[in-house]
PDB file of N, CA and C in Angstrom:
ATOM      1  N   MET A   1     151.888-186.356  63.019  1.00  0.00           N
ATOM      2  CA  MET A   1     151.932-187.801  63.573  1.00  0.00           C
ATOM      3  C   MET A   1     150.643-188.057  62.888  1.00  0.00           C
ATOM      4  N   THR A   2     150.114-189.320  62.182  1.00  0.00           N
ATOM      5  CA  THR A   2     149.017-189.935  61.837  1.00  0.00           C
ATOM      6  C   THR A   2     148.402-190.901  62.694  1.00  0.00           C
ATOM      7  N   ASP A   3     147.018-191.597  62.644  1.00  0.00           N
ATOM      8  CA  ASP A   3     146.409-192.252  63.726  1.00  0.00           C
ATOM      9  C   ASP A   3     146.984-193.643  62.593  1.00  0.00           C
ATOM     10  N   GLU A   4     147.214-193.606  61.244  1.00  0.00           N
ATOM     11  CA  GLU A   4     147.469-194.511  60.535  1.00  0.00           C
ATOM     12  C   GLU A   4     149.135-195.504  60.881  1.00  0.00           C
ATOM     13  N   VAL A   5     149.477-195.554  62.140  1.00  0.00           N
ATOM     14  CA  VAL A   5     150.442-196.223  62.557  1.00  0.00           C
ATOM     15  C   VAL A   5     150.815-198.149  62.612  1.00  0.00           C
ATOM     16  N   GLU A   6     151.807-198.224  61.772  1.00  0.00           N
ATOM     17  CA  GLU A   6     151.889-199.732  61.561  1.00  0.00           C
ATOM     18  C   GLU A   6     151.816-200.659  62.957  1.00  0.00           C
ATOM     19  N   ASP A   7     150.768-201.640  63.081  1.00  0.00           N
ATOM     20  CA  ASP A   7     150.792-202.342  64.042  1.00  0.00           C
ATOM     21  C   ASP A   7     151.764-203.261  64.234  1.00  0.00           C
ATOM     22  N   LEU A   8     152.971-203.495  65.070  1.00  0.00           N
ATOM     23  CA  LEU A   8     153.720-204.675  64.711  1.00  0.00           C
ATOM     24  C   LEU A   8     153.014-205.966  64.802  1.00  0.00           C
ATOM     25  N   ASN A   9     152.211-206.124  65.364  1.00  0.00           N
ATOM     26  CA  ASN A   9     151.281-207.441  65.308  1.00  0.00           C
ATOM     27  C   ASN A   9     150.327-207.546  63.966  1.00  0.00           C
ATOM     28  N   GLU A  10     150.474-206.793  62.779  1.00  0.00           N
ATOM     29  CA  GLU A  10     150.170-206.603  61.608  1.00  0.00           C
ATOM     30  C   GLU A  10     150.648-207.139  60.707  1.00  0.00           C
ATOM     31  N   PRO A  11     150.226-207.545  59.910  1.00  0.00           N
ATOM     32  CA  PRO A  11     151.126-207.233  58.498  1.00  0.00           C
ATOM     33  C   PRO A  11     151.467-206.746  57.762  1.00  0.00           C
ATOM     34  N   ILE A  12     152.842-206.455  57.443  1.00  0.00           N
ATOM     35  CA  ILE A  12     153.073-204.743  56.578  1.00  0.00           C
ATOM     36  C   ILE A  12     152.452-204.909  55.768  1.00  0.00           C
ATOM     37  N   GLY A  13     152.009-203.261  55.726  1.00  0.00           N
ATOM     38  CA  GLY A  13     151.199-202.658  55.150  1.00  0.00           C
ATOM     39  C   GLY A  13     149.795-202.149  55.342  1.00  0.00           C
ATOM     40  N   THR A  14     149.747-203.219  56.222  1.00  0.00           N
ATOM     41  CA  THR A  14     148.123-202.643  56.455  1.00  0.00           C
ATOM     42  C   THR A  14     147.800-201.546  56.530  1.00  0.00           C
ATOM     43  N   ALA A  15     148.934-200.174  57.184  1.00  0.00           N
ATOM     44  CA  ALA A  15     148.163-199.572  57.977  1.00  0.00           C
ATOM     45  C   ALA A  15     148.021-198.207  56.447  1.00  0.00           C
ATOM     46  N   GLU A  16     148.848-198.551  55.570  1.00  0.00           N
ATOM     47  CA  GLU A  16     148.769-198.129  54.025  1.00  0.00           C
ATOM     48  C   GLU A  16     147.416-198.729  53.902  1.00  0.00           C
ATOM     49  N   LEU A  17     147.273-199.341  53.208  1.00  0.00           N
ATOM     50  CA  LEU A  17     146.003-200.412  53.011  1.00  0.00           C
ATOM     51  C   LEU A  17     144.403-199.822  53.520  1.00  0.00           C
ATOM     52  N   ARG A  18     144.842-199.406  54.990  1.00  0.00           N
ATOM     53  CA  ARG A  18     143.403-199.139  55.657  1.00  0.00           C
ATOM     54  C   ARG A  18     143.516-197.278  55.255  1.00  0.00           C
ATOM     55  N   ARG A  19     144.313-196.706  54.810  1.00  0.00           N
ATOM     56  CA  ARG A  19     144.568-195.468  54.273  1.00  0.00           C
ATOM     57  C   ARG A  19     143.873-194.935  53.270  1.00  0.00           C
ATOM     58  N   LEU A  20     143.993-196.398  52.493  1.00  0.00           N
ATOM     59  CA  LEU A  20     143.653-196.267  51.195  1.00  0.00           C
ATOM     60  C   LEU A  20     142.159-196.551  50.751  1.00  0.00           C
ATOM     61  N   GLN A  21     141.818-197.541  51.876  1.00  0.00           N
ATOM     62  CA  GLN A  21     140.244-198.015  51.966  1.00  0.00           C
ATOM     63  C   GLN A  21     139.447-197.219  52.270  1.00  0.00           C
ATOM     64  N   ASN A  22     140.461-195.867  52.928  1.00  0.00           N
ATOM     65  CA  ASN A  22     139.352-194.934  53.992  1.00  0.00           C
ATOM     66  C   ASN A  22     139.163-193.941  52.467  1.00  0.00           C
ATOM     67  N   LYS A  23     140.275-193.710  51.763  1.00  0.00           N
ATOM     68  CA  LYS A  23     140.164-192.933  50.693  1.00  0.00           C
ATOM     69  C   LYS A  23     139.090-193.277  49.854  1.00  0.00           C
ATOM     70  N   TYR A  24     139.016-194.594  49.435  1.00  0.00           N
ATOM     71  CA  TYR A  24     138.230-195.150  48.440  1.00  0.00           C
ATOM     72  C   TYR A  24     136.574-194.885  49.307  1.00  0.00           C
ATOM     73  N   ARG A  25     136.394-194.809  50.182  1.00  0.00           N
ATOM     74  CA  ARG A  25     134.824-195.211  51.387  1.00  0.00           C
ATOM     75  C   ARG A  25     134.726-193.328  51.291  1.00  0.00           C
ATOM     76  N   LYS A  26     135.931-192.593  51.568  1.00  0.00           N
ATOM     77  CA  LYS A  26     135.400-190.832  51.471  1.00  0.00           C
ATOM     78  C   LYS A  26     135.216-190.541  49.966  1.00  0.00           C
ATOM     79  N   GLN A  27     135.727-190.828  48.772  1.00  0.00           N
ATOM     80  CA  GLN A  27     135.296-190.303  47.762  1.00  0.00           C
ATOM     81  C   GLN A  27     134.473-191.224  47.106  1.00  0.00           C
ATOM     82  N   ASN A  28     133.500-192.093  47.788  1.00  0.00           N
ATOM     83  CA  ASN A  28     131.978-192.820  47.366  1.00  0.00           C
ATOM     84  C   ASN A  28     131.370-191.912  48.188  1.00  0.00           C
ATOM     85  N   ILE A  29     131.541-191.633  49.481  1.00  0.00           N
ATOM     86  CA  ILE A  29     130.662-190.489  49.935  1.00  0.00           C
ATOM     87  C   ILE A  29     130.592-189.087  49.208  1.00  0.00           C
ATOM     88  N   ALA A  30     131.499-188.703  49.137  1.00  0.00           N
ATOM     89  CA  ALA A  30     131.650-187.639  48.004  1.00  0.00           C
ATOM     90  C   ALA A  30     130.648-187.553  46.760  1.00  0.00           C
ATOM     91  N   ASN A  31     130.980-188.782  46.098  1.00  0.00           N
ATOM     92  CA  ASN A  31     130.087-188.972  45.204  1.00  0.00           C
ATOM     93  C   ASN A  31     128.676-189.194  45.559  1.00  0.00           C
ATOM     94  N   ASP A  32     128.688-189.365  46.461  1.00  0.00           N
ATOM     95  CA  ASP A  32     126.587-189.725  46.646  1.00  0.00           C
ATOM     96  C   ASP A  32     126.589-188.456  47.134  1.00  0.00           C
ATOM     97  N   ARG A  33     127.272-187.914  47.469  1.00  0.00           N
ATOM     98  CA  ARG A  33     126.503-186.378  48.085  1.00  0.00           C
ATOM     99  C   ARG A  33     126.641-185.437  46.957  1.00  0.00           C
ATOM    100  N   ALA A  34     127.674-185.621  45.942  1.00  0.00           N
ATOM    101  CA  ALA A  34     127.304-184.814  44.426  1.00  0.00           C
ATOM    102  C   ALA A  34     125.843-185.300  43.702  1.00  0.00           C
ATOM    103  N   ARG A  35     126.116-186.826  43.882  1.00  0.00           N
ATOM    104  CA  ARG A  35     125.140-187.073  42.985  1.00  0.00           C
ATOM    105  C   ARG A  35     123.470-186.585  43.329  1.00  0.00           C
ATOM    106  N   GLU A  36     123.306-186.698  44.668  1.00  0.00           N
ATOM    107  CA  GLU A  36     122.307-185.746  45.253  1.00  0.00           C
ATOM    108  C   GLU A  36     122.186-184.801  45.134  1.00  0.00           C
ATOM    109  N   GLN A  37     123.245-183.326  44.613  1.00  0.00           N
ATOM    110  CA  GLN A  37     123.145-182.505  44.140  1.00  0.00           C
ATOM    111  C   GLN A  37     122.689-182.758  42.840  1.00  0.00           C
ATOM    112  N   ILE A  38     123.359-182.937  41.938  1.00  0.00           N
ATOM    113  CA  ILE A  38     123.045-182.910  40.600  1.00  0.00           C
ATOM    114  C   ILE A  38     121.619-183.692  40.676  1.00  0.00           C
ATOM    115  N   GLU A  39     121.026-184.367  41.069  1.00  0.00           N
ATOM    116  CA  GLU A  39     119.462-185.096  41.396  1.00  0.00           C
ATOM    117  C   GLU A  39     118.352-184.104  41.505  1.00  0.00           C
ATOM    118  N   GLU A  40     119.054-182.902  42.857  1.00  0.00           N
ATOM    119  CA  GLU A  40     118.056-182.116  43.235  1.00  0.00           C
ATOM    120  C   GLU A  40     117.732-181.065  41.847  1.00  0.00           C
ATOM    121  N   ASP A  41     119.496-180.518  41.138  1.00  0.00           N
ATOM    122  CA  ASP A  41     119.074-179.531  40.176  1.00  0.00           C
ATOM    123  C   ASP A  41     118.579-180.017  39.229  1.00  0.00           C
ATOM    124  N   ILE A  42     118.426-181.164  38.990  1.00  0.00           N
ATOM    125  CA  ILE A  42     117.833-181.700  37.418  1.00  0.00           C
ATOM    126  C   ILE A  42     115.984-181.763  37.923  1.00  0.00           C
ATOM    127  N   ASN A  43     115.853-182.375  39.295  1.00  0.00           N
ATOM    128  CA  ASN A  43     114.406-182.282  39.365  1.00  0.00           C
ATOM    129  C   ASN A  43     113.747-180.722  39.904  1.00  0.00           C
ATOM    130  N   ASN A  44     114.585-180.194  39.643  1.00  0.00           N
ATOM    131  CA  ASN A  44     114.096-178.704  39.956  1.00  0.00           C
ATOM    132  C   ASN A  44     114.258-178.156  38.746  1.00  0.00           C
ATOM    133  N   GLY A  45     114.365-178.602  37.656  1.00  0.00           N
ATOM    134  CA  GLY A  45     114.065-178.067  36.436  1.00  0.00           C
ATOM    135  C   GLY A  45     115.453-177.235  35.899  1.00  0.00           C
ATOM    136  N   ARG A  46     116.398-177.356  36.383  1.00  0.00           N
ATOM    137  CA  ARG A  46     117.331-176.185  36.340  1.00  0.00           C
ATOM    138  C   ARG A  46     117.976-176.948  34.460  1.00  0.00           C
ATOM    139  N   TYR A  47     118.132-178.221  34.388  1.00  0.00           N
ATOM    140  CA  TYR A  47     118.734-178.502  32.637  1.00  0.00           C
ATOM    141  C   TYR A  47     117.443-179.246  32.253  1.00  0.00           C
ATOM    142  N   SER A  48     117.372-179.108  30.843  1.00  0.00           N
ATOM    143  CA  SER A  48     116.407-179.940  29.642  1.00  0.00           C
ATOM    144  C   SER A  48     116.869-181.087  29.615  1.00  0.00           C
ATOM    145  N   ASP A  49     115.888-182.354  29.788  1.00  0.00           N
ATOM    146  CA  ASP A  49     116.024-183.384  29.889  1.00  0.00           C
ATOM    147  C   ASP A  49     117.199-184.101  28.936  1.00  0.00           C
ATOM    148  N   GLU A  50     117.886-183.405  27.866  1.00  0.00           N
ATOM    149  CA  GLU A  50     118.508-183.961  27.311  1.00  0.00           C
ATOM    150  C   GLU A  50     119.771-183.616  27.895  1.00  0.00           C
ATOM    151  N   GLN A  51     120.248-182.294  28.736  1.00  0.00           N
ATOM    152  CA  GLN A  51     121.557-182.163  29.303  1.00  0.00           C
ATOM    153  C   GLN A  51     121.415-182.767  30.466  1.00  0.00           C
ATOM    154  N   ALA A  52     120.261-182.979  31.307  1.00  0.00           N
ATOM    155  CA  ALA A  52     120.170-183.760  32.466  1.00  0.00           C
ATOM    156  C   ALA A  52     120.372-185.610  32.606  1.00  0.00           C
ATOM    157  N   THR A  53     120.128-185.832  31.389  1.00  0.00           N
ATOM    158  CA  THR A  53     120.852-186.940  30.634  1.00  0.00           C
ATOM    159  C   THR A  53     122.539-186.975  30.140  1.00  0.00           C
ATOM    160  N   GLU A  54     122.838-186.003  29.798  1.00  0.00           N
ATOM    161  CA  GLU A  54     124.431-185.975  29.557  1.00  0.00           C
ATOM    162  C   GLU A  54     125.296-185.882  31.265  1.00  0.00           C
ATOM    163  N   ILE A  55     124.635-184.963  31.558  1.00  0.00           N
ATOM    164  CA  ILE A  55     125.257-184.492  32.668  1.00  0.00           C
ATOM    165  C   ILE A  55     125.141-186.136  33.868  1.00  0.00           C
ATOM    166  N   SER A  56     124.087-186.425  33.844  1.00  0.00           N
ATOM    167  CA  SER A  56     124.425-187.724  34.723  1.00  0.00           C
ATOM    168  C   SER A  56     125.291-188.780  34.076  1.00  0.00           C
ATOM    169  N   ALA A  57     125.125-189.042  33.092  1.00  0.00           N
ATOM    170  CA  ALA A  57     126.157-190.299  32.025  1.00  0.00           C
ATOM    171  C   ALA A  57     127.370-189.725  32.859  1.00  0.00           C
ATOM    172  N   SER A  58     127.570-188.274  32.401  1.00  0.00           N
ATOM    173  CA  SER A  58     129.002-187.952  32.533  1.00  0.00           C
ATOM    174  C   SER A  58     129.383-187.781  34.314  1.00  0.00           C
ATOM    175  N   PHE A  59     128.522-187.708  34.725  1.00  0.00           N
ATOM    176  CA  PHE A  59     128.901-187.704  36.215  1.00  0.00           C
ATOM    177  C   PHE A  59     129.069-188.866  36.765  1.00  0.00           C
ATOM    178  N   GLU A  60     128.248-189.978  36.342  1.00  0.00           N
ATOM    179  CA  GLU A  60     128.495-191.325  37.072  1.00  0.00           C
ATOM    180  C   GLU A  60     129.993-192.184  35.951  1.00  0.00           C
ATOM    181  N   GLN A  61     130.444-191.498  35.361  1.00  0.00           N
ATOM    182  CA  GLN A  61     131.598-192.037  34.782  1.00  0.00           C
ATOM    183  C   GLN A  61     133.068-191.518  35.205  1.00  0.00           C
ATOM    184  N   SER A  62     132.466-190.499  35.330  1.00  0.00           N
ATOM    185  CA  SER A  62     133.431-189.803  36.315  1.00  0.00           C
ATOM    186  C   SER A  62     133.934-190.610  37.528  1.00  0.00           C
ATOM    187  N   CYS A  63     132.801-190.564  38.044  1.00  0.00           N
ATOM    188  CA  CYS A  63     132.735-191.359  39.778  1.00  0.00           C
ATOM    189  C   CYS A  63     133.428-192.715  39.071  1.00  0.00           C
ATOM    190  N   ARG A  64     132.798-193.630  38.379  1.00  0.00           N
ATOM    191  CA  ARG A  64     133.630-194.548  38.310  1.00  0.00           C
ATOM    192  C   ARG A  64     134.906-194.611  37.942  1.00  0.00           C
ATOM    193  N   GLU A  65     135.497-193.570  37.342  1.00  0.00           N
ATOM    194  CA  GLU A  65     137.238-193.814  36.512  1.00  0.00           C
ATOM    195  C   GLU A  65     137.583-193.889  38.092  1.00  0.00           C
ATOM    196  N   ILE A  66     137.412-192.449  38.928  1.00  0.00           N
ATOM    197  CA  ILE A  66     137.958-191.977  40.439  1.00  0.00           C
ATOM    198  C   ILE A  66     137.767-193.416  40.987  1.00  0.00           C
ATOM    199  N   LEU A  67     136.894-193.620  41.139  1.00  0.00           N
ATOM    200  CA  LEU A  67     136.940-195.226  42.053  1.00  0.00           C
ATOM    201  C   LEU A  67     137.533-196.540  41.689  1.00  0.00           C
ATOM    202  N   ASP A  68     137.884-196.959  39.994  1.00  0.00           N
ATOM    203  CA  ASP A  68     138.301-197.694  39.886  1.00  0.00           C
ATOM    204  C   ASP A  68     139.933-197.363  39.902  1.00  0.00           C
ATOM    205  N   ARG A  69     140.584-196.389  40.417  1.00  0.00           N
ATOM    206  CA  ARG A  69     141.501-195.724  39.908  1.00  0.00           C
ATOM    207  C   ARG A  69     142.158-196.220  41.528  1.00  0.00           C
ATOM    208  N   ILE A  70     141.430-195.899  42.299  1.00  0.00           N
ATOM    209  CA  ILE A  70     141.537-195.645  44.009  1.00  0.00           C
ATOM    210  C   ILE A  70     141.325-197.445  43.755  1.00  0.00           C
ATOM    211  N   GLN A  71     140.706-198.257  43.303  1.00  0.00           N
ATOM    212  CA  GLN A  71     140.512-199.381  43.527  1.00  0.00           C
ATOM    213  C   GLN A  71     141.525-200.362  43.320  1.00  0.00           C
ATOM    214  N   GLY A  72     142.338-199.798  42.137  1.00  0.00           N
ATOM    215  CA  GLY A  72     143.696-200.432  41.587  1.00  0.00           C
ATOM    216  C   GLY A  72     144.956-200.091  42.532  1.00  0.00           C
ATOM    217  N   GLU A  73     144.641-198.509  43.214  1.00  0.00           N
ATOM    218  CA  GLU A  73     146.102-198.646  44.164  1.00  0.00           C
ATOM    219  C   GLU A  73     145.931-199.696  44.982  1.00  0.00           C
ATOM    220  N   ILE A  74     144.955-199.932  45.525  1.00  0.00           N
ATOM    221  CA  ILE A  74     144.145-200.841  46.813  1.00  0.00           C
ATOM    222  C   ILE A  74     144.953-202.249  46.118  1.00  0.00           C
ATOM    223  N   GLU A  75     144.457-202.751  45.057  1.00  0.00           N
ATOM    224  CA  GLU A  75     144.610-203.788  44.347  1.00  0.00           C
ATOM    225  C   GLU A  75     145.798-204.094  44.273  1.00  0.00           C
ATOM    226  N   ALA A  76     146.789-203.093  43.966  1.00  0.00           N
ATOM    227  CA  ALA A  76     148.370-203.294  43.402  1.00  0.00           C
ATOM    228  C   ALA A  76     149.613-202.874  45.068  1.00  0.00           C
ATOM    229  N   HIS A  77     148.427-202.485  45.742  1.00  0.00           N
ATOM    230  CA  HIS A  77     148.994-202.325  47.393  1.00  0.00           C
ATOM    231  C   HIS A  77     149.273-203.993  47.883  1.00  0.00           C
ATOM    232  N   CYS A  78     147.854-204.586  47.665  1.00  0.00           N
ATOM    233  CA  CYS A  78     147.372-205.901  48.703  1.00  0.00           C
ATOM    234  C   CYS A  78     148.504-206.838  47.738  1.00  0.00           C
ATOM    235  N   ARG A  79     148.550-206.417  46.470  1.00  0.00           N
ATOM    236  CA  ARG A  79     149.411-207.693  45.731  1.00  0.00           C
ATOM    237  C   ARG A  79     150.823-207.301  46.439  1.00  0.00           C
ATOM    238  N   ALA A  80     151.544-206.136  46.294  1.00  0.00           N
ATOM    239  CA  ALA A  80     152.933-205.915  46.360  1.00  0.00           C
ATOM    240  C   ALA A  80     153.281-206.204  48.559  1.00  0.00           C
ATOM    241  N   HIS A  81     152.298-206.405  49.006  1.00  0.00           N
ATOM    242  CA  HIS A  81     152.192-206.955  50.324  1.00  0.00           C
ATOM    243  C   HIS A  81     151.583-208.215  50.802  1.00  0.00           C
ATOM    244  N   ASN A  82     151.029-208.787  49.607  1.00  0.00           N
ATOM    245  CA  ASN A  82     150.341-210.070  49.745  1.00  0.00           C
ATOM    246  C   ASN A  82     149.627-210.109  50.934  1.00  0.00           C
ATOM    247  N   LEU A  83     148.408-209.236  50.678  1.00  0.00           N
ATOM    248  CA  LEU A  83     147.389-208.717  51.187  1.00  0.00           C
ATOM    249  C   LEU A  83     146.128-209.232  51.068  1.00  0.00           C
ATOM    250  N   GLN A  84     145.076-209.342  51.565  1.00  0.00           N
ATOM    251  CA  GLN A  84     143.667-209.652  51.014  1.00  0.00           C
ATOM    252  C   GLN A  84     143.460-208.512  50.154  1.00  0.00           C
ATOM    253  N   THR A  85     142.804-208.973  49.047  1.00  0.00           N
ATOM    254  CA  THR A  85     142.235-207.849  47.647  1.00  0.00           C
ATOM    255  C   THR A  85     141.145-208.622  48.018  1.00  0.00           C
ATOM    256  N   SER A  86     140.203-209.073  48.339  1.00  0.00           N
ATOM    257  CA  SER A  86     138.715-209.241  48.393  1.00  0.00           C
ATOM    258  C   SER A  86     138.087-207.788  48.534  1.00  0.00           C
ATOM    259  N   SER A  87     137.030-207.324  47.393  1.00  0.00           N
ATOM    260  CA  SER A  87     136.566-205.949  47.860  1.00  0.00           C
ATOM    261  C   SER A  87     135.695-205.677  48.317  1.00  0.00           C
ATOM    262  N   SER A  88     134.612-207.028  49.323  1.00  0.00           N
ATOM    263  CA  SER A  88     134.557-207.041  50.322  1.00  0.00           C
ATOM    264  C   SER A  88     135.301-206.460  51.690  1.00  0.00           C
ATOM    265  N   HIS A  89     136.424-206.607  51.387  1.00  0.00           N
ATOM    266  CA  HIS A  89     137.254-206.099  53.042  1.00  0.00           C
ATOM    267  C   HIS A  89     137.565-204.489  52.758  1.00  0.00           C
ATOM    268  N   TRP A  90     137.374-203.827  51.362  1.00  0.00           N
ATOM    269  CA  TRP A  90     137.325-202.391  51.467  1.00  0.00           C
ATOM    270  C   TRP A  90     136.626-201.916  50.657  1.00  0.00           C
ATOM    271  N   THR A  91     135.196-202.251  50.842  1.00  0.00           N
ATOM    272  CA  THR A  91     134.199-200.907  49.920  1.00  0.00           C
ATOM    273  C   THR A  91     133.049-201.313  51.110  1.00  0.00           C
ATOM    274  N   ASP A  92     132.278-200.049  50.969  1.00  0.00           N
ATOM    275  CA  ASP A  92     130.943-200.100  51.625  1.00  0.00           C
ATOM    276  C   ASP A  92     129.804-201.039  50.974  1.00  0.00           C
ATOM    277  N   ALA A  93     129.562-202.066  51.795  1.00  0.00           N
ATOM    278  CA  ALA A  93     128.263-202.632  51.241  1.00  0.00           C
ATOM    279  C   ALA A  93     127.217-202.340  51.128  1.00  0.00           C
TER     280      ALA A  93
END
């Protein structure tokens, strides 16, 4: 059993929305940790300037694609259940 149980007083789909929001938040934290490791490797001279630029750009694009996909899931879920879709409600500020 999960802690994401529908509360009968909440709109339908709220528990799933919280699960998706949590998924987004966890991915954002994972991205930040990986970014710190990449920056450390770059700062320690593990890569040439050209490699560092390419690695950083590729990493940021990958992060954005993953977060955009999760954001799309959140927005689709909100539309399907007529829930609030404002990004301020599901991302870390």
